[in-house]
Amino acid sequence: MPLIRIWVYDGILASGVAGIVDVFTAANSVTSRRPRRRSGTPSQLRWRVESLSGRPVHTASGQVIGVDGPIGARSSADAVVIPGPFVGDIERFFARLDTVEPLLAALRRQHERGTLLASYCTGSFILAEAGLLDGRVATTHWAKGRTFAMRYPAVDLRVAEILTEQNRIVCSGAVTTSLNLALRLVEKFAGADVAAETGKLMLIDSNRVSQAPYASRARDTQHSDALVARAQSMMEKSLQQGFSLARLARDLSVSERTLNRRFKLAVGEAPLQYLQALRVDVAKRLIETTRLKLDAVSGRVGYNDLSTFRRLFKRETGLSPREYQRRFVRRAPAS
């Protein structure tokens, strides 16, 4: 019977723990209804919720999560799940050395023992801080992608992906993808058939493969470069105009090379890449909130050629404008 340990601490989201446990419970229910066979019978899953102190933890919403005992770095397990902290400033979380250091050490020890490690959302930061993601693929919440990439440049970040897996480490996106993460563990330890049936039973979309349609590329103002902030503001005000790096640099009284370099340092991408993503972000809002036709939306964000706009939109979101409209636009019912 595979054993999965869920390591909790103060400040996580309750749903990220309860949802995973619910998926495991449903999977065991699916398994129990299957006819017994001499071989190939899916395994029942076992799990334990554990904290460093062995005492209950308080979630970000104030709910209390009971635990089954203390975290033990040397305790055997088939998998360890580490939830992500629900924090706006990841630096403040890592300043909590009494929480962070023991977790990092315990995760490293478990991985050395051959245990599969799994995390979702900002939990990827914990795995990366432990040095377990260097040279490996990983994902995290789309809104934390730039922060992650700048803090952990040695990690092969695939921020558009819902779920990544390499070298016994599984990562997924925002907290709702913890359900997809749990299904992956069910697949590994109880079999693909059980995972598929569990997903159907719980209406979990296992075909969701990208975070890109959900991502918002609103202006990143967390940097402190006033020049780049001015450039961003000027770009936002002139979306309908053709882009010229030379003109933008001239208007800011700097060289193209200086603007390009400082933009990359502050934002994590070149000005043209940023502008294209910004145009798509504005287009998404127009599609969601107006009844404009696609050619009008395209023109509003600076693309007179509708086919060019469609290609860019699909590249950034993984969906065509029409597909995006069908998925995310909810029209009010007729009265």
C-alpha atoms as a PDB file:
ATOM      1  CA  MET A   1       0.000   0.000   0.000  1.00  0.00           C
ATOM      2  CA  PRO A   2       1.783   3.183  -1.175  1.00  0.00           C
ATOM      3  CA  LEU A   3       2.306   5.825   1.517  1.00  0.00           C
ATOM      4  CA  ILE A   4       2.101   9.512   0.624  1.00  0.00           C
ATOM      5  CA  ARG A   5       3.104  12.121   3.189  1.00  0.00           C
ATOM      6  CA  ILE A   6       1.668  15.654   2.956  1.00  0.00           C
ATOM      7  CA  TRP A   7       3.881  18.156   4.768  1.00  0.00           C
ATOM      8  CA  VAL A   8       1.990  21.218   5.975  1.00  0.00           C
ATOM      9  CA  TYR A   9       2.905  24.459   7.709  1.00  0.00           C
ATOM     10  CA  ASP A  10       1.235  27.757   8.639  1.00  0.00           C
ATOM     11  CA  GLY A  11       0.118  29.982   5.754  1.00  0.00           C
ATOM     12  CA  ILE A  12      -0.881  27.436   3.121  1.00  0.00           C
ATOM     13  CA  LEU A  13      -4.324  27.227   1.478  1.00  0.00           C
ATOM     14  CA  ALA A  14      -6.664  24.676   3.029  1.00  0.00           C
ATOM     15  CA  SER A  15      -8.016  23.551  -0.351  1.00  0.00           C
ATOM     16  CA  GLY A  16      -4.542  22.505  -1.459  1.00  0.00           C
ATOM     17  CA  VAL A  17      -4.491  19.869   1.265  1.00  0.00           C
ATOM     18  CA  ALA A  18      -8.167  18.928   1.462  1.00  0.00           C
ATOM     19  CA  GLY A  19      -8.469  18.623  -2.320  1.00  0.00           C
ATOM     20  CA  ILE A  20      -5.541  16.221  -2.548  1.00  0.00           C
ATOM     21  CA  VAL A  21      -6.882  14.084   0.296  1.00  0.00           C
ATOM     22  CA  ASP A  22     -10.313  14.047  -1.360  1.00  0.00           C
ATOM     23  CA  VAL A  23      -8.799  12.811  -4.631  1.00  0.00           C
ATOM     24  CA  PHE A  24      -6.980  10.007  -2.780  1.00  0.00           C
ATOM     25  CA  THR A  25     -10.208   9.102  -0.954  1.00  0.00           C
ATOM     26  CA  ALA A  26     -12.152   8.978  -4.226  1.00  0.00           C
ATOM     27  CA  ALA A  27      -9.404   6.879  -5.828  1.00  0.00           C
ATOM     28  CA  ASN A  28      -9.612   4.341  -3.009  1.00  0.00           C
ATOM     29  CA  SER A  29     -13.376   4.231  -3.461  1.00  0.00           C
ATOM     30  CA  VAL A  30     -12.885   3.516  -7.161  1.00  0.00           C
ATOM     31  CA  THR A  31     -10.362   0.794  -6.344  1.00  0.00           C
ATOM     32  CA  SER A  32     -12.621  -0.847  -3.762  1.00  0.00           C
ATOM     33  CA  ARG A  33     -15.432  -1.255  -6.309  1.00  0.00           C
ATOM     34  CA  ARG A  34     -13.224  -3.101  -8.765  1.00  0.00           C
ATOM     35  CA  PRO A  35     -13.332  -6.914  -8.836  1.00  0.00           C
ATOM     36  CA  ARG A  36     -10.505  -8.646  -7.044  1.00  0.00           C
ATOM     37  CA  ARG A  37      -7.994 -10.384  -9.268  1.00  0.00           C
ATOM     38  CA  ARG A  38      -4.988 -12.501  -8.541  1.00  0.00           C
ATOM     39  CA  SER A  39      -2.711  -9.971 -10.190  1.00  0.00           C
ATOM     40  CA  GLY A  40      -2.942  -6.383 -11.306  1.00  0.00           C
ATOM     41  CA  THR A  41      -5.308  -5.274  -8.548  1.00  0.00           C
ATOM     42  CA  PRO A  42      -4.831  -1.509  -7.985  1.00  0.00           C
ATOM     43  CA  SER A  43      -3.344  -0.514  -4.653  1.00  0.00           C
ATOM     44  CA  GLN A  44      -5.207   1.352  -1.949  1.00  0.00           C
ATOM     45  CA  LEU A  45      -3.452   4.606  -1.120  1.00  0.00           C
ATOM     46  CA  ARG A  46      -2.382   5.594   2.372  1.00  0.00           C
ATOM     47  CA  TRP A  47      -1.477   9.110   3.438  1.00  0.00           C
ATOM     48  CA  ARG A  48      -0.398  11.093   6.450  1.00  0.00           C
ATOM     49  CA  VAL A  49      -0.641  14.842   6.993  1.00  0.00           C
ATOM     50  CA  GLU A  50       2.395  16.015   8.978  1.00  0.00           C
ATOM     51  CA  SER A  51       3.861  19.240  10.353  1.00  0.00           C
ATOM     52  CA  LEU A  52       7.286  20.076  11.731  1.00  0.00           C
ATOM     53  CA  SER A  53       6.006  20.292  15.295  1.00  0.00           C
ATOM     54  CA  GLY A  54       3.432  17.530  15.018  1.00  0.00           C
ATOM     55  CA  ARG A  55       0.758  20.068  15.932  1.00  0.00           C
ATOM     56  CA  PRO A  56      -2.113  21.457  13.795  1.00  0.00           C
ATOM     57  CA  VAL A  57      -1.323  24.332  11.427  1.00  0.00           C
ATOM     58  CA  HIS A  58      -3.254  27.481  10.582  1.00  0.00           C
ATOM     59  CA  THR A  59      -4.029  28.161   6.938  1.00  0.00           C
ATOM     60  CA  ALA A  60      -3.977  31.567   5.244  1.00  0.00           C
ATOM     61  CA  SER A  61      -7.759  31.809   5.730  1.00  0.00           C
ATOM     62  CA  GLY A  62      -7.526  30.944   9.440  1.00  0.00           C
ATOM     63  CA  GLN A  63      -8.771  27.375   9.143  1.00  0.00           C
ATOM     64  CA  VAL A  64      -6.998  24.760  11.214  1.00  0.00           C
ATOM     65  CA  ILE A  65      -5.637  21.608   9.616  1.00  0.00           C
ATOM     66  CA  GLY A  66      -5.148  18.664  11.931  1.00  0.00           C
ATOM     67  CA  VAL A  67      -2.109  16.466  11.444  1.00  0.00           C
ATOM     68  CA  ASP A  68      -1.236  12.821  11.998  1.00  0.00           C
ATOM     69  CA  GLY A  69       2.182  13.483  13.486  1.00  0.00           C
ATOM     70  CA  PRO A  70       5.523  15.251  13.019  1.00  0.00           C
ATOM     71  CA  ILE A  71       7.593  15.428   9.842  1.00  0.00           C
ATOM     72  CA  GLY A  72      10.459  12.982   9.867  1.00  0.00           C
ATOM     73  CA  ALA A  73      13.228  13.456   7.316  1.00  0.00           C
ATOM     74  CA  ARG A  74      14.210   9.790   7.679  1.00  0.00           C
ATOM     75  CA  SER A  75      10.664   8.390   7.602  1.00  0.00           C
ATOM     76  CA  SER A  76       9.958   6.166   4.618  1.00  0.00           C
ATOM     77  CA  ALA A  77       7.472   7.270   1.988  1.00  0.00           C
ATOM     78  CA  ASP A  78       6.624   6.623  -1.621  1.00  0.00           C
ATOM     79  CA  ALA A  79       5.891  10.317  -2.172  1.00  0.00           C
ATOM     80  CA  VAL A  80       5.990  13.597  -0.278  1.00  0.00           C
ATOM     81  CA  VAL A  81       3.679  16.482  -1.216  1.00  0.00           C
ATOM     82  CA  ILE A  82       4.722  19.994  -0.157  1.00  0.00           C
ATOM     83  CA  PRO A  83       1.958  22.648  -0.521  1.00  0.00           C
ATOM     84  CA  GLY A  84       2.802  26.167  -1.651  1.00  0.00           C
ATOM     85  CA  PRO A  85       2.775  29.143   0.738  1.00  0.00           C
ATOM     86  CA  PHE A  86       0.010  31.662   0.036  1.00  0.00           C
ATOM     87  CA  VAL A  87       2.134  34.807   0.171  1.00  0.00           C
ATOM     88  CA  GLY A  88       2.515  37.964  -1.867  1.00  0.00           C
ATOM     89  CA  ASP A  89       6.193  38.314  -1.060  1.00  0.00           C
ATOM     90  CA  ILE A  90       8.147  35.074  -1.317  1.00  0.00           C
ATOM     91  CA  GLU A  91      11.175  36.733   0.296  1.00  0.00           C
ATOM     92  CA  ARG A  92       9.226  37.154   3.534  1.00  0.00           C
ATOM     93  CA  PHE A  93       8.386  33.456   3.512  1.00  0.00           C
ATOM     94  CA  PHE A  94      12.024  32.443   3.128  1.00  0.00           C
ATOM     95  CA  ALA A  95      12.913  34.727   6.029  1.00  0.00           C
ATOM     96  CA  ARG A  96      11.030  32.270   8.272  1.00  0.00           C
ATOM     97  CA  LEU A  97      14.124  30.174   8.856  1.00  0.00           C
ATOM     98  CA  ASP A  98      12.516  28.095  11.623  1.00  0.00           C
ATOM     99  CA  THR A  99      10.036  26.790   9.035  1.00  0.00           C
ATOM    100  CA  VAL A 100      12.071  26.849   5.843  1.00  0.00           C
ATOM    101  CA  GLU A 101      15.405  25.310   6.821  1.00  0.00           C
ATOM    102  CA  PRO A 102      13.982  22.114   8.369  1.00  0.00           C
ATOM    103  CA  LEU A 103      11.679  21.652   5.359  1.00  0.00           C
ATOM    104  CA  LEU A 104      14.543  22.055   2.884  1.00  0.00           C
ATOM    105  CA  ALA A 105      16.738  19.591   4.754  1.00  0.00           C
ATOM    106  CA  ALA A 106      13.923  17.043   5.065  1.00  0.00           C
ATOM    107  CA  LEU A 107      13.044  17.312   1.357  1.00  0.00           C
ATOM    108  CA  ARG A 108      16.667  16.820   0.322  1.00  0.00           C
ATOM    109  CA  ARG A 109      16.932  13.752   2.544  1.00  0.00           C
ATOM    110  CA  GLN A 110      13.729  12.249   1.143  1.00  0.00           C
ATOM    111  CA  HIS A 111      14.844  12.789  -2.441  1.00  0.00           C
ATOM    112  CA  GLU A 112      18.178  11.144  -1.687  1.00  0.00           C
ATOM    113  CA  ARG A 113      16.221   8.129  -0.422  1.00  0.00           C
ATOM    114  CA  GLY A 114      14.408   7.838  -3.772  1.00  0.00           C
ATOM    115  CA  THR A 115      11.111   9.376  -2.668  1.00  0.00           C
ATOM    116  CA  LEU A 116       8.998  11.115  -5.298  1.00  0.00           C
ATOM    117  CA  LEU A 117       8.475  14.806  -4.425  1.00  0.00           C
ATOM    118  CA  ALA A 118       5.439  16.768  -5.567  1.00  0.00           C
ATOM    119  CA  SER A 119       4.376  20.371  -5.174  1.00  0.00           C
ATOM    120  CA  TYR A 120       2.031  22.937  -6.654  1.00  0.00           C
ATOM    121  CA  CYS A 121       1.980  26.715  -7.079  1.00  0.00           C
ATOM    122  CA  THR A 122       4.633  28.478  -4.950  1.00  0.00           C
ATOM    123  CA  GLY A 123       5.703  25.142  -3.512  1.00  0.00           C
ATOM    124  CA  SER A 124       8.037  24.988  -6.513  1.00  0.00           C
ATOM    125  CA  PHE A 125      10.004  27.795  -4.864  1.00  0.00           C
ATOM    126  CA  ILE A 126      10.620  25.533  -1.875  1.00  0.00           C
ATOM    127  CA  LEU A 127      11.894  22.708  -4.069  1.00  0.00           C
ATOM    128  CA  ALA A 128      14.097  25.153  -5.983  1.00  0.00           C
ATOM    129  CA  GLU A 129      15.415  26.713  -2.768  1.00  0.00           C
ATOM    130  CA  ALA A 130      16.439  23.227  -1.671  1.00  0.00           C
ATOM    131  CA  GLY A 131      18.487  22.941  -4.872  1.00  0.00           C
ATOM    132  CA  LEU A 132      16.374  20.055  -6.138  1.00  0.00           C
ATOM    133  CA  LEU A 133      15.274  21.696  -9.395  1.00  0.00           C
ATOM    134  CA  ASP A 134      18.617  22.887 -10.793  1.00  0.00           C
ATOM    135  CA  GLY A 135      18.962  21.667 -14.364  1.00  0.00           C
ATOM    136  CA  ARG A 136      15.437  20.220 -14.297  1.00  0.00           C
ATOM    137  CA  VAL A 137      12.090  21.257 -15.697  1.00  0.00           C
ATOM    138  CA  ALA A 138       9.539  22.817 -13.365  1.00  0.00           C
ATOM    139  CA  THR A 139       6.465  25.006 -13.366  1.00  0.00           C
ATOM    140  CA  THR A 140       4.808  27.349 -10.885  1.00  0.00           C
ATOM    141  CA  HIS A 141       1.891  29.780 -10.790  1.00  0.00           C
ATOM    142  CA  TRP A 142       1.922  31.906 -13.954  1.00  0.00           C
ATOM    143  CA  ALA A 143       1.924  35.147 -11.918  1.00  0.00           C
ATOM    144  CA  LYS A 144       5.119  34.075 -10.123  1.00  0.00           C
ATOM    145  CA  GLY A 145       6.981  33.013 -13.253  1.00  0.00           C
ATOM    146  CA  ARG A 146       9.228  36.052 -13.626  1.00  0.00           C
ATOM    147  CA  THR A 147      10.125  36.089  -9.956  1.00  0.00           C
ATOM    148  CA  PHE A 148      10.947  32.393 -10.086  1.00  0.00           C
ATOM    149  CA  ALA A 149      13.036  32.685 -13.249  1.00  0.00           C
ATOM    150  CA  MET A 150      15.106  35.527 -11.841  1.00  0.00           C
ATOM    151  CA  ARG A 151      15.641  33.824  -8.490  1.00  0.00           C
ATOM    152  CA  TYR A 152      16.436  30.375  -9.918  1.00  0.00           C
ATOM    153  CA  PRO A 153      18.071  30.819 -13.341  1.00  0.00           C
ATOM    154  CA  ALA A 154      19.438  27.248 -13.289  1.00  0.00           C
ATOM    155  CA  VAL A 155      15.905  25.792 -13.408  1.00  0.00           C
ATOM    156  CA  ASP A 156      14.289  25.028 -16.774  1.00  0.00           C
ATOM    157  CA  LEU A 157      11.037  26.854 -16.024  1.00  0.00           C
ATOM    158  CA  ARG A 158       8.017  25.929 -18.162  1.00  0.00           C
ATOM    159  CA  VAL A 159       5.578  28.404 -16.673  1.00  0.00           C
ATOM    160  CA  ALA A 160       2.889  27.850 -19.322  1.00  0.00           C
ATOM    161  CA  GLU A 161       2.549  24.183 -18.426  1.00  0.00           C
ATOM    162  CA  ILE A 162       0.005  22.873 -15.934  1.00  0.00           C
ATOM    163  CA  LEU A 163       2.225  20.031 -14.782  1.00  0.00           C
ATOM    164  CA  THR A 164       5.883  19.024 -15.203  1.00  0.00           C
ATOM    165  CA  GLU A 165       7.765  15.913 -14.156  1.00  0.00           C
ATOM    166  CA  GLN A 166      11.436  14.957 -14.160  1.00  0.00           C
ATOM    167  CA  ASN A 167      13.749  12.938 -11.909  1.00  0.00           C
ATOM    168  CA  ARG A 168      11.077  11.996  -9.371  1.00  0.00           C
ATOM    169  CA  ILE A 169       9.874  15.588  -8.969  1.00  0.00           C
ATOM    170  CA  VAL A 170       6.398  16.704 -10.060  1.00  0.00           C
ATOM    171  CA  CYS A 171       5.336  20.369 -10.114  1.00  0.00           C
ATOM    172  CA  SER A 172       2.042  21.993 -11.053  1.00  0.00           C
ATOM    173  CA  GLY A 173       0.564  25.487 -11.370  1.00  0.00           C
ATOM    174  CA  ALA A 174      -1.961  27.314  -9.197  1.00  0.00           C
ATOM    175  CA  VAL A 175      -3.696  25.717  -6.230  1.00  0.00           C
ATOM    176  CA  THR A 176      -6.544  24.221  -8.279  1.00  0.00           C
ATOM    177  CA  THR A 177      -3.951  22.205 -10.219  1.00  0.00           C
ATOM    178  CA  SER A 178      -3.236  20.364  -6.972  1.00  0.00           C
ATOM    179  CA  LEU A 179      -6.131  18.168  -8.109  1.00  0.00           C
ATOM    180  CA  ASN A 180      -4.246  17.375 -11.330  1.00  0.00           C
ATOM    181  CA  LEU A 181      -1.146  16.754  -9.232  1.00  0.00           C
ATOM    182  CA  ALA A 182      -3.077  14.347  -7.012  1.00  0.00           C
ATOM    183  CA  LEU A 183      -4.399  12.518 -10.075  1.00  0.00           C
ATOM    184  CA  ARG A 184      -0.842  12.086 -11.334  1.00  0.00           C
ATOM    185  CA  LEU A 185       0.074  10.457  -8.011  1.00  0.00           C
ATOM    186  CA  VAL A 186      -2.985   8.217  -8.251  1.00  0.00           C
ATOM    187  CA  GLU A 187      -1.865   7.224 -11.747  1.00  0.00           C
ATOM    188  CA  LYS A 188       1.622   6.374 -10.473  1.00  0.00           C
ATOM    189  CA  PHE A 189       0.591   4.381  -7.437  1.00  0.00           C
ATOM    190  CA  ALA A 190      -2.849   2.971  -8.331  1.00  0.00           C
ATOM    191  CA  GLY A 191      -2.747   2.876 -12.116  1.00  0.00           C
ATOM    192  CA  ALA A 192      -3.899   4.905 -15.119  1.00  0.00           C
ATOM    193  CA  ASP A 193      -7.375   3.323 -15.178  1.00  0.00           C
ATOM    194  CA  VAL A 194      -8.058   4.275 -11.568  1.00  0.00           C
ATOM    195  CA  ALA A 195      -6.780   7.804 -12.185  1.00  0.00           C
ATOM    196  CA  ALA A 196      -8.982   8.207 -15.268  1.00  0.00           C
ATOM    197  CA  GLU A 197     -12.086   6.991 -13.453  1.00  0.00           C
ATOM    198  CA  THR A 198     -11.314   9.170 -10.426  1.00  0.00           C
ATOM    199  CA  GLY A 199     -10.923  12.221 -12.658  1.00  0.00           C
ATOM    200  CA  LYS A 200     -14.285  11.575 -14.277  1.00  0.00           C
ATOM    201  CA  LEU A 201     -15.936  10.977 -10.910  1.00  0.00           C
ATOM    202  CA  MET A 202     -14.640  14.309  -9.558  1.00  0.00           C
ATOM    203  CA  LEU A 203     -14.995  16.279 -12.831  1.00  0.00           C
ATOM    204  CA  ILE A 204     -11.275  17.084 -12.916  1.00  0.00           C
ATOM    205  CA  ASP A 205     -10.153  18.319 -16.319  1.00  0.00           C
ATOM    206  CA  SER A 206      -7.115  16.161 -16.982  1.00  0.00           C
ATOM    207  CA  ASN A 207      -6.837  17.568 -20.524  1.00  0.00           C
ATOM    208  CA  ARG A 208      -5.968  21.021 -19.210  1.00  0.00           C
ATOM    209  CA  VAL A 209      -2.345  21.308 -20.287  1.00  0.00           C
ATOM    210  CA  SER A 210      -1.551  25.026 -20.287  1.00  0.00           C
ATOM    211  CA  GLN A 211      -1.788  27.977 -17.920  1.00  0.00           C
ATOM    212  CA  ALA A 212      -1.359  30.417 -20.811  1.00  0.00           C
ATOM    213  CA  PRO A 213      -5.078  31.168 -21.377  1.00  0.00           C
ATOM    214  CA  TYR A 214      -5.429  32.187 -17.719  1.00  0.00           C
ATOM    215  CA  ALA A 215      -2.298  34.318 -17.502  1.00  0.00           C
ATOM    216  CA  SER A 216      -2.490  38.082 -17.302  1.00  0.00           C
ATOM    217  CA  ARG A 217       0.466  40.102 -18.521  1.00  0.00           C
ATOM    218  CA  ALA A 218      -0.495  43.314 -16.778  1.00  0.00           C
ATOM    219  CA  ARG A 219       2.362  45.783 -16.401  1.00  0.00           C
ATOM    220  CA  ASP A 220       5.021  44.526 -14.033  1.00  0.00           C
ATOM    221  CA  THR A 221       5.697  47.393 -11.643  1.00  0.00           C
ATOM    222  CA  GLN A 222       7.538  45.373  -9.018  1.00  0.00           C
ATOM    223  CA  HIS A 223      10.884  46.499 -10.398  1.00  0.00           C
ATOM    224  CA  SER A 224      12.517  49.804  -9.396  1.00  0.00           C
ATOM    225  CA  ASP A 225      13.786  51.008 -12.779  1.00  0.00           C
ATOM    226  CA  ALA A 226      12.098  54.348 -13.463  1.00  0.00           C
ATOM    227  CA  LEU A 227      13.276  54.369 -17.078  1.00  0.00           C
ATOM    228  CA  VAL A 228      11.653  51.014 -17.799  1.00  0.00           C
ATOM    229  CA  ALA A 229       8.465  52.081 -16.017  1.00  0.00           C
ATOM    230  CA  ARG A 230       8.278  55.141 -18.299  1.00  0.00           C
ATOM    231  CA  ALA A 231       8.839  52.916 -21.323  1.00  0.00           C
ATOM    232  CA  GLN A 232       6.049  50.582 -20.215  1.00  0.00           C
ATOM    233  CA  SER A 233       3.671  53.501 -19.728  1.00  0.00           C
ATOM    234  CA  MET A 234       4.461  54.911 -23.175  1.00  0.00           C
ATOM    235  CA  MET A 235       3.946  51.494 -24.787  1.00  0.00           C
ATOM    236  CA  GLU A 236       0.566  51.075 -23.076  1.00  0.00           C
ATOM    237  CA  LYS A 237      -0.611  54.450 -24.346  1.00  0.00           C
ATOM    238  CA  SER A 238       0.373  53.721 -27.953  1.00  0.00           C
ATOM    239  CA  LEU A 239      -0.790  50.148 -28.530  1.00  0.00           C
ATOM    240  CA  GLN A 240      -2.440  51.023 -31.847  1.00  0.00           C
ATOM    241  CA  GLN A 241       0.777  52.447 -33.269  1.00  0.00           C
ATOM    242  CA  GLY A 242       3.531  50.484 -34.946  1.00  0.00           C
ATOM    243  CA  PHE A 243       6.417  49.697 -32.600  1.00  0.00           C
ATOM    244  CA  SER A 244       9.882  51.117 -33.102  1.00  0.00           C
ATOM    245  CA  LEU A 245      12.579  50.494 -30.506  1.00  0.00           C
ATOM    246  CA  ALA A 246      14.609  53.341 -32.013  1.00  0.00           C
ATOM    247  CA  ARG A 247      11.723  55.797 -31.606  1.00  0.00           C
ATOM    248  CA  LEU A 248      10.996  54.653 -28.051  1.00  0.00           C
ATOM    249  CA  ALA A 249      14.680  54.976 -27.099  1.00  0.00           C
ATOM    250  CA  ARG A 250      14.827  58.425 -28.678  1.00  0.00           C
ATOM    251  CA  ASP A 251      11.741  59.569 -26.779  1.00  0.00           C
ATOM    252  CA  LEU A 252      13.396  58.376 -23.556  1.00  0.00           C
ATOM    253  CA  SER A 253      16.760  59.953 -24.457  1.00  0.00           C
ATOM    254  CA  VAL A 254      18.718  56.709 -24.218  1.00  0.00           C
ATOM    255  CA  SER A 255      20.351  54.366 -26.696  1.00  0.00           C
ATOM    256  CA  GLU A 256      18.522  51.322 -28.028  1.00  0.00           C
ATOM    257  CA  ARG A 257      21.161  49.095 -26.434  1.00  0.00           C
ATOM    258  CA  THR A 258      20.678  50.699 -23.015  1.00  0.00           C
ATOM    259  CA  LEU A 259      16.892  50.450 -23.211  1.00  0.00           C
ATOM    260  CA  ASN A 260      16.994  46.844 -24.335  1.00  0.00           C
ATOM    261  CA  ARG A 261      19.448  45.850 -21.598  1.00  0.00           C
ATOM    262  CA  ARG A 262      17.598  47.600 -18.771  1.00  0.00           C
ATOM    263  CA  PHE A 263      14.233  46.316 -19.960  1.00  0.00           C
ATOM    264  CA  LYS A 264      15.473  42.737 -19.880  1.00  0.00           C
ATOM    265  CA  LEU A 265      16.954  43.197 -16.417  1.00  0.00           C
ATOM    266  CA  ALA A 266      13.790  44.755 -14.983  1.00  0.00           C
ATOM    267  CA  VAL A 267      11.056  42.798 -16.744  1.00  0.00           C
ATOM    268  CA  GLY A 268      12.784  39.623 -17.887  1.00  0.00           C
ATOM    269  CA  GLU A 269      12.157  40.042 -21.613  1.00  0.00           C
ATOM    270  CA  ALA A 270      12.919  42.374 -24.494  1.00  0.00           C
ATOM    271  CA  PRO A 271      10.638  45.384 -25.181  1.00  0.00           C
ATOM    272  CA  LEU A 272       9.109  43.842 -28.330  1.00  0.00           C
ATOM    273  CA  GLN A 273       8.286  40.573 -26.534  1.00  0.00           C
ATOM    274  CA  TYR A 274       6.735  42.541 -23.698  1.00  0.00           C
ATOM    275  CA  LEU A 275       4.681  44.658 -26.096  1.00  0.00           C
ATOM    276  CA  GLN A 276       3.341  41.615 -27.948  1.00  0.00           C
ATOM    277  CA  ALA A 277       2.286  39.995 -24.680  1.00  0.00           C
ATOM    278  CA  LEU A 278       0.719  43.265 -23.520  1.00  0.00           C
ATOM    279  CA  ARG A 279      -1.267  43.573 -26.732  1.00  0.00           C
ATOM    280  CA  VAL A 280      -2.620  40.047 -26.313  1.00  0.00           C
ATOM    281  CA  ASP A 281      -3.501  40.790 -22.686  1.00  0.00           C
ATOM    282  CA  VAL A 282      -5.486  43.867 -23.707  1.00  0.00           C
ATOM    283  CA  ALA A 283      -7.123  41.878 -26.512  1.00  0.00           C
ATOM    284  CA  LYS A 284      -8.222  39.239 -23.996  1.00  0.00           C
ATOM    285  CA  ARG A 285      -9.902  41.910 -21.867  1.00  0.00           C
ATOM    286  CA  LEU A 286     -11.640  43.384 -24.930  1.00  0.00           C
ATOM    287  CA  ILE A 287     -12.920  39.944 -25.946  1.00  0.00           C
ATOM    288  CA  GLU A 288     -14.188  39.310 -22.400  1.00  0.00           C
ATOM    289  CA  THR A 289     -15.833  42.705 -21.790  1.00  0.00           C
ATOM    290  CA  THR A 290     -17.027  44.026 -25.157  1.00  0.00           C
ATOM    291  CA  ARG A 291     -18.968  42.837 -28.179  1.00  0.00           C
ATOM    292  CA  LEU A 292     -16.336  44.033 -30.624  1.00  0.00           C
ATOM    293  CA  LYS A 293     -15.687  41.850 -33.651  1.00  0.00           C
ATOM    294  CA  LEU A 294     -12.252  40.263 -33.850  1.00  0.00           C
ATOM    295  CA  ASP A 295     -11.016  42.588 -36.575  1.00  0.00           C
ATOM    296  CA  ALA A 296     -11.917  45.569 -34.385  1.00  0.00           C
ATOM    297  CA  VAL A 297     -10.142  44.000 -31.384  1.00  0.00           C
ATOM    298  CA  SER A 298      -7.125  43.346 -33.570  1.00  0.00           C
ATOM    299  CA  GLY A 299      -7.036  46.980 -34.710  1.00  0.00           C
ATOM    300  CA  ARG A 300      -7.411  48.282 -31.151  1.00  0.00           C
ATOM    301  CA  VAL A 301      -4.194  46.525 -30.122  1.00  0.00           C
ATOM    302  CA  GLY A 302      -2.156  47.511 -33.156  1.00  0.00           C
ATOM    303  CA  TYR A 303      -2.670  44.674 -35.650  1.00  0.00           C
ATOM    304  CA  ASN A 304      -4.378  45.620 -38.904  1.00  0.00           C
ATOM    305  CA  ASP A 305      -3.665  42.161 -40.281  1.00  0.00           C
ATOM    306  CA  LEU A 306      -6.156  39.813 -38.602  1.00  0.00           C
ATOM    307  CA  SER A 307      -4.176  36.674 -39.511  1.00  0.00           C
ATOM    308  CA  THR A 308      -1.067  38.074 -37.782  1.00  0.00           C
ATOM    309  CA  PHE A 309      -3.139  38.859 -34.702  1.00  0.00           C
ATOM    310  CA  ARG A 310      -4.602  35.328 -34.665  1.00  0.00           C
ATOM    311  CA  ARG A 311      -1.144  33.736 -34.863  1.00  0.00           C
ATOM    312  CA  LEU A 312       0.204  35.912 -32.033  1.00  0.00           C
ATOM    313  CA  PHE A 313      -2.859  35.293 -29.877  1.00  0.00           C
ATOM    314  CA  LYS A 314      -2.581  31.527 -30.345  1.00  0.00           C
ATOM    315  CA  ARG A 315       1.148  31.612 -29.584  1.00  0.00           C
ATOM    316  CA  GLU A 316       0.632  33.531 -26.339  1.00  0.00           C
ATOM    317  CA  THR A 317      -2.475  31.775 -25.023  1.00  0.00           C
ATOM    318  CA  GLY A 318      -2.531  28.375 -26.708  1.00  0.00           C
ATOM    319  CA  LEU A 319      -6.049  29.179 -27.987  1.00  0.00           C
ATOM    320  CA  SER A 320      -7.398  30.930 -31.046  1.00  0.00           C
ATOM    321  CA  PRO A 321      -9.375  34.145 -30.318  1.00  0.00           C
ATOM    322  CA  ARG A 322     -12.614  32.250 -31.045  1.00  0.00           C
ATOM    323  CA  GLU A 323     -11.686  29.390 -28.734  1.00  0.00           C
ATOM    324  CA  TYR A 324     -10.764  31.884 -26.025  1.00  0.00           C
ATOM    325  CA  GLN A 325     -14.118  33.624 -26.463  1.00  0.00           C
ATOM    326  CA  ARG A 326     -16.054  30.349 -26.170  1.00  0.00           C
ATOM    327  CA  ARG A 327     -14.160  29.301 -23.050  1.00  0.00           C
ATOM    328  CA  PHE A 328     -14.035  32.522 -21.048  1.00  0.00           C
ATOM    329  CA  VAL A 329     -16.848  34.815 -22.172  1.00  0.00           C
ATOM    330  CA  ARG A 330     -20.131  34.381 -20.297  1.00  0.00           C
ATOM    331  CA  ARG A 331     -22.936  36.351 -21.879  1.00  0.00           C
ATOM    332  CA  ALA A 332     -25.829  37.372 -19.657  1.00  0.00           C
ATOM    333  CA  PRO A 333     -28.988  35.346 -20.402  1.00  0.00           C
ATOM    334  CA  ALA A 334     -31.702  37.130 -22.345  1.00  0.00           C
ATOM    335  CA  SER A 335     -34.431  38.583 -20.150  1.00  0.00           C
END
